[in-house]
Each structure stands twice: as C-alpha cells, then as structure tokens.
N, C-alpha and C. Protein backbone atom coordinates (compact mmCIF):
# COMPACT_ATOMS: atom_id res chain seq x y z
N MET A 1 24.88 -107.50 -36.30
CA MET A 1 25.69 -106.96 -36.22
C MET A 1 25.78 -105.89 -34.69
N THR A 2 25.86 -105.37 -34.17
CA THR A 2 25.80 -104.80 -33.28
C THR A 2 26.45 -103.78 -33.46
N ALA A 3 25.46 -101.92 -32.29
CA ALA A 3 25.18 -100.83 -33.11
C ALA A 3 26.54 -100.23 -32.20
N PRO A 4 27.30 -99.43 -32.53
CA PRO A 4 28.02 -98.80 -32.59
C PRO A 4 28.40 -97.54 -30.45
N SER A 5 29.29 -97.82 -29.97
CA SER A 5 29.24 -97.81 -28.73
C SER A 5 29.58 -95.55 -28.87
N HIS A 6 29.91 -95.65 -30.08
CA HIS A 6 30.07 -94.95 -30.29
C HIS A 6 29.39 -94.15 -31.33
N ARG A 7 28.38 -93.36 -31.52
CA ARG A 7 28.13 -92.42 -32.90
C ARG A 7 29.00 -91.52 -33.10
N PRO A 8 29.27 -91.46 -35.14
CA PRO A 8 30.59 -91.74 -35.24
C PRO A 8 30.10 -90.11 -36.07
N SER A 9 31.18 -89.14 -36.37
CA SER A 9 31.38 -87.77 -36.72
C SER A 9 31.22 -87.61 -37.69
N VAL A 10 31.03 -86.76 -39.22
CA VAL A 10 30.89 -86.89 -40.69
C VAL A 10 31.41 -85.37 -40.55
N LEU A 11 32.27 -84.52 -41.29
CA LEU A 11 32.31 -82.98 -41.50
C LEU A 11 32.33 -83.23 -42.85
N PHE A 12 31.75 -82.73 -43.35
CA PHE A 12 31.52 -82.77 -45.69
C PHE A 12 32.52 -80.93 -45.50
N VAL A 13 33.19 -81.11 -45.84
CA VAL A 13 34.28 -80.38 -46.74
C VAL A 13 34.06 -79.43 -48.40
N CYS A 14 33.44 -78.53 -48.44
CA CYS A 14 33.78 -78.31 -49.69
C CYS A 14 33.75 -76.79 -49.93
N VAL A 15 35.00 -76.32 -50.26
CA VAL A 15 35.74 -74.93 -49.80
C VAL A 15 34.87 -74.10 -50.60
N HIS A 16 35.30 -74.53 -52.15
CA HIS A 16 33.96 -73.17 -52.62
C HIS A 16 33.03 -73.74 -52.88
N ASN A 17 32.22 -74.14 -53.03
CA ASN A 17 30.64 -74.34 -53.18
C ASN A 17 30.25 -75.26 -52.10
N ALA A 18 30.07 -75.40 -51.03
CA ALA A 18 29.90 -75.46 -50.05
C ALA A 18 28.06 -76.20 -50.18
N GLY A 19 27.46 -76.31 -50.96
CA GLY A 19 26.37 -77.11 -51.30
C GLY A 19 26.57 -77.87 -51.88
N ARG A 20 28.21 -78.57 -52.00
CA ARG A 20 28.06 -79.72 -52.48
C ARG A 20 28.12 -79.96 -51.40
N SER A 21 28.71 -79.96 -50.27
CA SER A 21 29.05 -80.57 -48.89
C SER A 21 26.69 -80.83 -48.18
N GLN A 22 26.63 -79.54 -48.15
CA GLN A 22 25.72 -80.10 -48.04
C GLN A 22 24.64 -80.74 -48.17
N MET A 23 24.54 -80.85 -49.69
CA MET A 23 23.70 -82.10 -50.37
C MET A 23 24.25 -83.66 -49.82
N ALA A 24 25.64 -83.00 -48.76
CA ALA A 24 26.30 -84.45 -49.09
C ALA A 24 25.62 -84.90 -47.56
N ALA A 25 26.05 -84.46 -46.73
CA ALA A 25 25.53 -83.85 -45.81
C ALA A 25 23.82 -84.64 -45.19
N ALA A 26 23.21 -84.48 -46.07
CA ALA A 26 21.39 -84.15 -46.29
C ALA A 26 20.82 -85.64 -46.60
N PHE A 27 22.47 -86.27 -47.29
CA PHE A 27 22.04 -87.57 -48.33
C PHE A 27 22.09 -88.21 -47.13
N LEU A 28 23.42 -88.45 -46.07
CA LEU A 28 23.88 -89.09 -45.19
C LEU A 28 23.14 -88.74 -43.93
N ALA A 29 22.58 -87.18 -43.34
CA ALA A 29 21.66 -87.71 -42.41
C ALA A 29 20.05 -88.02 -42.79
N HIS A 30 20.22 -87.95 -44.48
CA HIS A 30 18.74 -88.75 -44.24
C HIS A 30 18.69 -90.32 -45.03
N LEU A 31 20.15 -91.13 -44.82
CA LEU A 31 20.09 -92.35 -44.74
C LEU A 31 20.49 -93.17 -43.64
N ALA A 32 20.90 -91.78 -42.86
CA ALA A 32 21.56 -92.47 -41.48
C ALA A 32 20.92 -92.51 -40.31
N GLY A 33 19.99 -91.53 -40.44
CA GLY A 33 19.76 -90.61 -39.02
C GLY A 33 20.22 -89.97 -37.81
N ASP A 34 19.90 -91.05 -37.10
CA ASP A 34 20.81 -90.70 -35.81
C ASP A 34 21.57 -90.89 -34.88
N ARG A 35 21.77 -92.29 -36.20
CA ARG A 35 23.00 -93.24 -35.84
C ARG A 35 24.17 -92.36 -36.31
N VAL A 36 24.43 -91.54 -36.98
CA VAL A 36 25.44 -90.28 -37.23
C VAL A 36 25.77 -89.52 -37.22
N GLU A 37 26.47 -88.54 -37.15
CA GLU A 37 26.27 -87.18 -36.57
C GLU A 37 26.96 -86.01 -38.13
N VAL A 38 25.75 -85.79 -38.53
CA VAL A 38 26.39 -85.28 -39.74
C VAL A 38 26.68 -83.40 -39.05
N ARG A 39 27.53 -82.68 -40.13
CA ARG A 39 28.19 -81.28 -40.49
C ARG A 39 28.62 -81.06 -41.92
N SER A 40 28.55 -80.07 -42.56
CA SER A 40 28.58 -79.65 -43.30
C SER A 40 29.49 -78.29 -43.48
N ALA A 41 30.01 -77.96 -43.55
CA ALA A 41 30.98 -76.82 -44.28
C ALA A 41 31.42 -75.99 -44.98
N GLY A 42 31.66 -74.79 -45.59
CA GLY A 42 32.42 -74.43 -47.09
C GLY A 42 33.57 -73.24 -45.99
N SER A 43 33.87 -72.89 -47.67
CA SER A 43 35.03 -71.64 -46.21
C SER A 43 34.43 -70.19 -46.60
N ALA A 44 32.67 -70.00 -46.82
CA ALA A 44 32.45 -68.12 -47.48
C ALA A 44 30.93 -68.40 -46.53
N PRO A 45 30.75 -67.52 -45.91
CA PRO A 45 29.13 -67.11 -44.71
C PRO A 45 28.84 -67.25 -46.56
N ALA A 46 27.51 -67.58 -46.21
CA ALA A 46 26.36 -67.61 -47.29
C ALA A 46 24.39 -67.51 -46.52
N ASP A 47 23.68 -66.49 -47.18
CA ASP A 47 22.48 -66.31 -46.50
C ASP A 47 21.35 -67.71 -46.54
N SER A 48 21.70 -68.37 -48.40
CA SER A 48 20.90 -69.23 -48.29
C SER A 48 21.72 -70.11 -49.16
N VAL A 49 21.10 -71.68 -49.38
CA VAL A 49 22.05 -72.46 -50.15
C VAL A 49 21.14 -72.23 -51.81
N ASN A 50 22.06 -72.45 -52.55
CA ASN A 50 21.96 -72.36 -54.15
C ASN A 50 20.96 -72.74 -54.26
N PRO A 51 19.90 -71.80 -54.72
CA PRO A 51 18.27 -72.60 -55.41
C PRO A 51 19.02 -74.03 -56.28
N ALA A 52 19.69 -74.09 -57.45
CA ALA A 52 19.54 -75.16 -57.82
C ALA A 52 19.66 -76.95 -57.16
N VAL A 53 20.99 -76.31 -56.47
CA VAL A 53 20.96 -77.24 -55.03
C VAL A 53 19.50 -77.99 -54.17
N VAL A 54 18.75 -76.85 -54.27
CA VAL A 54 17.27 -76.66 -52.77
C VAL A 54 16.32 -77.67 -54.13
N GLU A 55 16.85 -77.44 -54.95
CA GLU A 55 15.82 -77.90 -56.63
C GLU A 55 15.79 -79.71 -56.83
N ALA A 56 17.37 -79.51 -56.96
CA ALA A 56 17.46 -80.88 -57.17
C ALA A 56 17.55 -81.74 -55.95
N MET A 57 17.89 -81.59 -55.45
CA MET A 57 17.28 -82.33 -53.61
C MET A 57 16.15 -82.51 -53.70
N LYS A 58 14.89 -81.37 -53.56
CA LYS A 58 14.02 -81.54 -54.17
C LYS A 58 12.82 -83.00 -53.95
N GLU A 59 14.04 -82.79 -55.33
CA GLU A 59 13.02 -83.76 -56.06
C GLU A 59 14.00 -85.60 -55.39
N VAL A 60 14.13 -85.83 -54.81
CA VAL A 60 14.59 -87.05 -54.29
C VAL A 60 14.32 -86.80 -52.87
N GLY A 61 13.32 -86.55 -52.26
CA GLY A 61 12.62 -85.86 -51.53
C GLY A 61 13.49 -85.23 -49.79
N ILE A 62 13.90 -85.02 -50.21
CA ILE A 62 15.32 -83.69 -49.60
C ILE A 62 15.04 -83.02 -49.00
N ASP A 63 14.29 -81.19 -47.83
CA ASP A 63 14.31 -80.35 -48.33
C ASP A 63 15.68 -80.02 -47.14
N LEU A 64 16.20 -79.08 -48.69
CA LEU A 64 16.91 -77.95 -48.20
C LEU A 64 17.67 -76.71 -47.83
N SER A 65 15.62 -75.91 -48.29
CA SER A 65 15.61 -74.53 -48.26
C SER A 65 15.45 -73.26 -46.70
N THR A 66 16.12 -74.97 -45.81
CA THR A 66 15.57 -72.92 -44.40
C THR A 66 17.59 -73.98 -44.50
N GLU A 67 18.77 -74.64 -44.53
CA GLU A 67 19.47 -74.52 -44.44
C GLU A 67 20.61 -72.98 -45.32
N THR A 68 21.68 -72.81 -44.19
CA THR A 68 22.21 -72.33 -44.04
C THR A 68 23.32 -72.36 -44.18
N PRO A 69 24.52 -72.24 -44.73
CA PRO A 69 25.89 -72.47 -44.79
C PRO A 69 26.71 -72.57 -43.68
N LYS A 70 27.32 -73.72 -43.75
CA LYS A 70 28.65 -73.69 -42.19
C LYS A 70 29.69 -72.97 -42.50
N MET A 71 30.03 -71.76 -41.65
CA MET A 71 31.44 -71.68 -42.17
C MET A 71 32.88 -73.23 -41.70
N LEU A 72 33.34 -73.88 -42.78
CA LEU A 72 34.78 -74.53 -42.09
C LEU A 72 35.90 -74.09 -40.75
N THR A 73 35.19 -74.35 -39.62
CA THR A 73 36.34 -74.33 -38.48
C THR A 73 37.31 -75.56 -38.89
N VAL A 74 38.71 -74.64 -37.71
CA VAL A 74 39.37 -76.43 -36.99
C VAL A 74 38.77 -76.83 -35.81
N ASP A 75 38.22 -75.70 -35.20
CA ASP A 75 36.67 -76.96 -34.23
C ASP A 75 36.05 -77.77 -34.75
N ALA A 76 35.38 -78.23 -35.55
CA ALA A 76 34.36 -78.67 -35.94
C ALA A 76 35.66 -79.64 -37.49
N VAL A 77 36.81 -79.85 -37.63
CA VAL A 77 37.44 -79.86 -38.12
C VAL A 77 38.23 -80.87 -37.24
N GLN A 78 38.24 -80.73 -36.13
CA GLN A 78 38.41 -81.21 -34.10
C GLN A 78 38.09 -82.45 -33.92
N ALA A 79 36.41 -82.03 -34.04
CA ALA A 79 34.91 -82.92 -33.16
C ALA A 79 34.50 -83.23 -34.43
N SER A 80 35.65 -83.58 -35.30
CA SER A 80 34.82 -84.86 -36.33
C SER A 80 35.27 -86.11 -36.68
N ASP A 81 34.94 -87.68 -36.48
CA ASP A 81 35.65 -88.11 -37.04
C ASP A 81 36.43 -88.81 -38.08
N VAL A 82 35.04 -88.46 -39.76
CA VAL A 82 35.66 -88.66 -40.41
C VAL A 82 35.55 -87.49 -41.29
N VAL A 83 36.54 -86.93 -41.45
CA VAL A 83 36.37 -85.42 -42.73
C VAL A 83 36.81 -85.85 -44.60
N ILE A 84 35.49 -85.52 -44.76
CA ILE A 84 35.69 -86.03 -45.88
C ILE A 84 35.74 -84.40 -46.52
N THR A 85 36.68 -84.20 -47.71
CA THR A 85 37.06 -83.19 -48.96
C THR A 85 36.47 -83.82 -50.02
N MET A 86 35.93 -82.09 -50.75
CA MET A 86 35.28 -82.62 -51.61
C MET A 86 35.97 -81.63 -52.83
N GLY A 87 37.20 -81.68 -53.65
CA GLY A 87 37.73 -81.18 -53.89
C GLY A 87 38.31 -80.25 -53.90
N CYS A 88 38.55 -80.43 -52.18
CA CYS A 88 39.57 -79.56 -51.02
C CYS A 88 40.02 -79.12 -50.26
N GLY A 89 40.78 -80.67 -50.35
CA GLY A 89 41.43 -80.61 -49.59
C GLY A 89 42.72 -79.81 -49.20
N ASP A 90 43.15 -79.22 -50.55
CA ASP A 90 44.62 -78.51 -50.08
C ASP A 90 44.31 -77.16 -49.00
N ALA A 91 43.01 -76.90 -48.69
CA ALA A 91 42.25 -75.82 -47.80
C ALA A 91 41.51 -76.60 -46.59
N CYS A 92 41.28 -77.28 -46.65
CA CYS A 92 40.85 -78.27 -44.40
C CYS A 92 42.16 -78.54 -43.70
N PRO A 93 42.39 -78.08 -43.04
CA PRO A 93 42.35 -78.04 -41.73
C PRO A 93 43.71 -80.56 -41.23
N VAL A 94 44.33 -80.10 -41.61
CA VAL A 94 44.29 -81.63 -41.01
C VAL A 94 45.34 -81.77 -40.27
N PHE A 95 45.01 -82.60 -39.24
CA PHE A 95 45.82 -83.27 -38.03
C PHE A 95 45.79 -84.88 -37.79
N PRO A 96 47.63 -84.82 -37.17
CA PRO A 96 47.64 -86.87 -37.54
C PRO A 96 46.35 -87.23 -37.14
N GLY A 97 46.40 -88.93 -37.29
CA GLY A 97 45.63 -89.83 -36.98
C GLY A 97 44.59 -89.61 -36.86
N LYS A 98 43.48 -87.97 -38.08
CA LYS A 98 42.08 -87.79 -38.05
C LYS A 98 42.41 -88.86 -39.68
N ARG A 99 40.49 -90.02 -40.11
CA ARG A 99 40.49 -90.32 -41.10
C ARG A 99 39.80 -89.50 -42.04
N TYR A 100 41.35 -88.97 -43.21
CA TYR A 100 40.09 -87.92 -43.74
C TYR A 100 40.44 -88.78 -45.50
N LEU A 101 38.99 -88.52 -46.00
CA LEU A 101 38.95 -88.72 -47.18
C LEU A 101 38.42 -87.34 -48.46
N ASP A 102 38.94 -87.65 -49.52
CA ASP A 102 38.96 -86.33 -50.84
C ASP A 102 38.44 -87.51 -52.25
N TRP A 103 36.98 -86.92 -51.83
CA TRP A 103 35.86 -86.87 -53.06
C TRP A 103 36.26 -86.37 -54.22
N GLU A 104 36.35 -86.64 -55.41
CA GLU A 104 36.73 -85.94 -56.60
C GLU A 104 35.28 -85.96 -57.08
N LEU A 105 35.33 -84.75 -57.53
CA LEU A 105 33.59 -85.19 -58.26
C LEU A 105 33.73 -84.01 -59.31
N ASP A 106 33.06 -84.61 -60.35
CA ASP A 106 33.18 -83.94 -61.19
C ASP A 106 32.50 -82.57 -62.24
N ASP A 107 32.41 -81.31 -63.01
CA ASP A 107 31.96 -80.84 -62.52
C ASP A 107 31.35 -80.11 -64.22
N PRO A 108 30.08 -81.21 -65.09
CA PRO A 108 29.47 -80.87 -66.10
C PRO A 108 29.38 -79.67 -66.77
N ALA A 109 29.02 -78.69 -67.37
CA ALA A 109 29.14 -77.41 -68.44
C ALA A 109 27.75 -77.15 -68.01
N GLY A 110 27.73 -76.31 -67.69
CA GLY A 110 26.38 -75.77 -67.29
C GLY A 110 26.18 -75.32 -65.76
N GLN A 111 25.08 -74.10 -65.69
CA GLN A 111 24.70 -74.16 -64.28
C GLN A 111 23.07 -74.38 -64.33
N GLY A 112 22.90 -74.27 -62.66
CA GLY A 112 21.38 -74.65 -62.88
C GLY A 112 21.25 -75.92 -62.12
N VAL A 113 19.90 -76.45 -62.91
CA VAL A 113 19.76 -78.03 -61.87
C VAL A 113 19.74 -78.65 -62.59
N ASP A 114 20.11 -78.83 -63.93
CA ASP A 114 20.50 -79.71 -64.79
C ASP A 114 21.98 -79.56 -64.99
N ALA A 115 22.48 -79.17 -64.22
CA ALA A 115 24.16 -79.20 -63.27
C ALA A 115 24.38 -79.77 -62.89
N VAL A 116 23.12 -80.08 -61.32
CA VAL A 116 23.94 -80.34 -60.10
C VAL A 116 22.79 -81.37 -60.71
N ARG A 117 22.27 -82.06 -60.58
CA ARG A 117 21.88 -83.69 -60.91
C ARG A 117 23.28 -84.40 -60.76
N PRO A 118 23.72 -84.70 -61.49
CA PRO A 118 24.66 -85.41 -62.31
C PRO A 118 25.89 -85.23 -60.76
N ILE A 119 26.06 -84.22 -59.75
CA ILE A 119 26.41 -84.55 -58.95
C ILE A 119 26.54 -84.76 -57.57
N ARG A 120 24.66 -84.28 -57.55
CA ARG A 120 23.77 -85.25 -56.26
C ARG A 120 23.45 -86.13 -56.37
N ASP A 121 23.82 -86.81 -57.68
CA ASP A 121 23.96 -88.70 -58.43
C ASP A 121 24.89 -89.17 -57.27
N GLY A 122 26.02 -88.43 -58.34
CA GLY A 122 27.35 -88.89 -58.11
C GLY A 122 27.40 -89.09 -56.14
N ILE A 123 26.86 -87.46 -55.66
CA ILE A 123 27.35 -88.02 -53.95
C ILE A 123 26.60 -88.74 -53.37
N GLU A 124 24.75 -89.15 -53.90
CA GLU A 124 23.85 -90.56 -53.59
C GLU A 124 24.77 -92.24 -53.64
N ARG A 125 25.06 -91.72 -54.21
CA ARG A 125 25.78 -93.28 -54.70
C ARG A 125 27.61 -93.19 -53.78
N ARG A 126 28.09 -92.42 -53.38
CA ARG A 126 29.42 -91.97 -52.55
C ARG A 126 28.62 -92.50 -50.82
N ILE A 127 27.02 -91.49 -51.01
CA ILE A 127 27.27 -90.93 -48.88
C ILE A 127 26.16 -92.63 -49.19
N ARG A 128 25.59 -93.96 -49.93
CA ARG A 128 24.95 -94.80 -49.70
C ARG A 128 26.33 -95.99 -49.44
N GLU A 129 26.84 -95.92 -50.39
CA GLU A 129 28.66 -96.43 -49.82
C GLU A 129 29.20 -97.00 -48.65
N LEU A 130 29.44 -95.07 -47.95
CA LEU A 130 29.36 -94.52 -46.62
C LEU A 130 29.07 -94.68 -45.43
N VAL A 131 27.46 -94.74 -45.65
CA VAL A 131 26.67 -95.68 -45.22
C VAL A 131 26.44 -97.24 -45.09
N SER A 132 27.20 -97.73 -45.47
CA SER A 132 26.93 -99.66 -45.60
C SER A 132 28.71 -99.46 -44.63
N GLU A 133 29.73 -98.62 -44.84
CA GLU A 133 30.88 -98.97 -44.04
C GLU A 133 30.68 -98.75 -42.51
N LEU A 134 30.37 -97.40 -42.22
CA LEU A 134 29.87 -96.67 -41.20
C LEU A 134 29.02 -97.70 -40.63
N MET A 135 27.85 -98.83 -40.84
CA MET A 135 27.03 -99.32 -40.05
C MET A 135 27.66 -100.83 -39.38
N ASP A 136 28.69 -101.66 -41.11
CA ASP A 136 29.12 -102.08 -40.38
C ASP A 136 30.04 -102.50 -39.18
C-alpha cells in the first residue's frame, strides 16, 4: 500500500450537538494521526464541550477538555474532501462533486455520561471503518 499523495480532509458536522462531531474528529485524529486532516463543526458557538462528552471520551483515553466547538462555515465545507453529517444533513451546505456521508445516530434516552457512551461507541465503530477506507 502506498501513501496517498494528498492528505484527505474530513469535516464532521453535527449542527445541534457539536459534541458528536468533536467525538468523531477526535477519534479520527487519534486513529489516523497526521495522515488525515480533521475538522468538526456545529451551528452555535459554545465555550466548551459538554462535560458528559469530555468524561466519556476520557474513559477511552482521549482528552477533549481543552476543545472549543467550531462554527460551521461554507469555507470549512468547501475545504474538505469528505463531509460527514451526523443527523443534520439538511442544515449543511452542499456543493456539487463533493463527497457527503450522512451518519444516522441513535439517541438513547437520558442525559449525562451514561447516555453519551453508546453514541461514543457507535461513532468509534464508524471511525474505524472510515480509517480503513481512507488508508486503502
């Protein structure tokens, strides 16, 4: 397998819950390292990531405590090779010829870290599949 001449750029978008896109971006950066350029975005600025998301990610060895959710911009979408929407495809700008994937995620009842864990685990499974695909 030869290394790609172009480092793929992946943008994760979860408009109403930026913590999901940050979880996905963190997993991809953790597993793919500098082989992939990774971004995440949501629809509204926030001072910090949801504490339950931080706690759930810390359990698997990834620290999100210093992250600040990024705003979704047209420039971020245009600059990405792959745009992965997470339950919010209709709110993301669409450009012809760009690759979009929509990841539907279950919303378990409840709040806090117990509700975040199954989301985290589902995202991790999909990220591992994506890493395999991007690295082929």
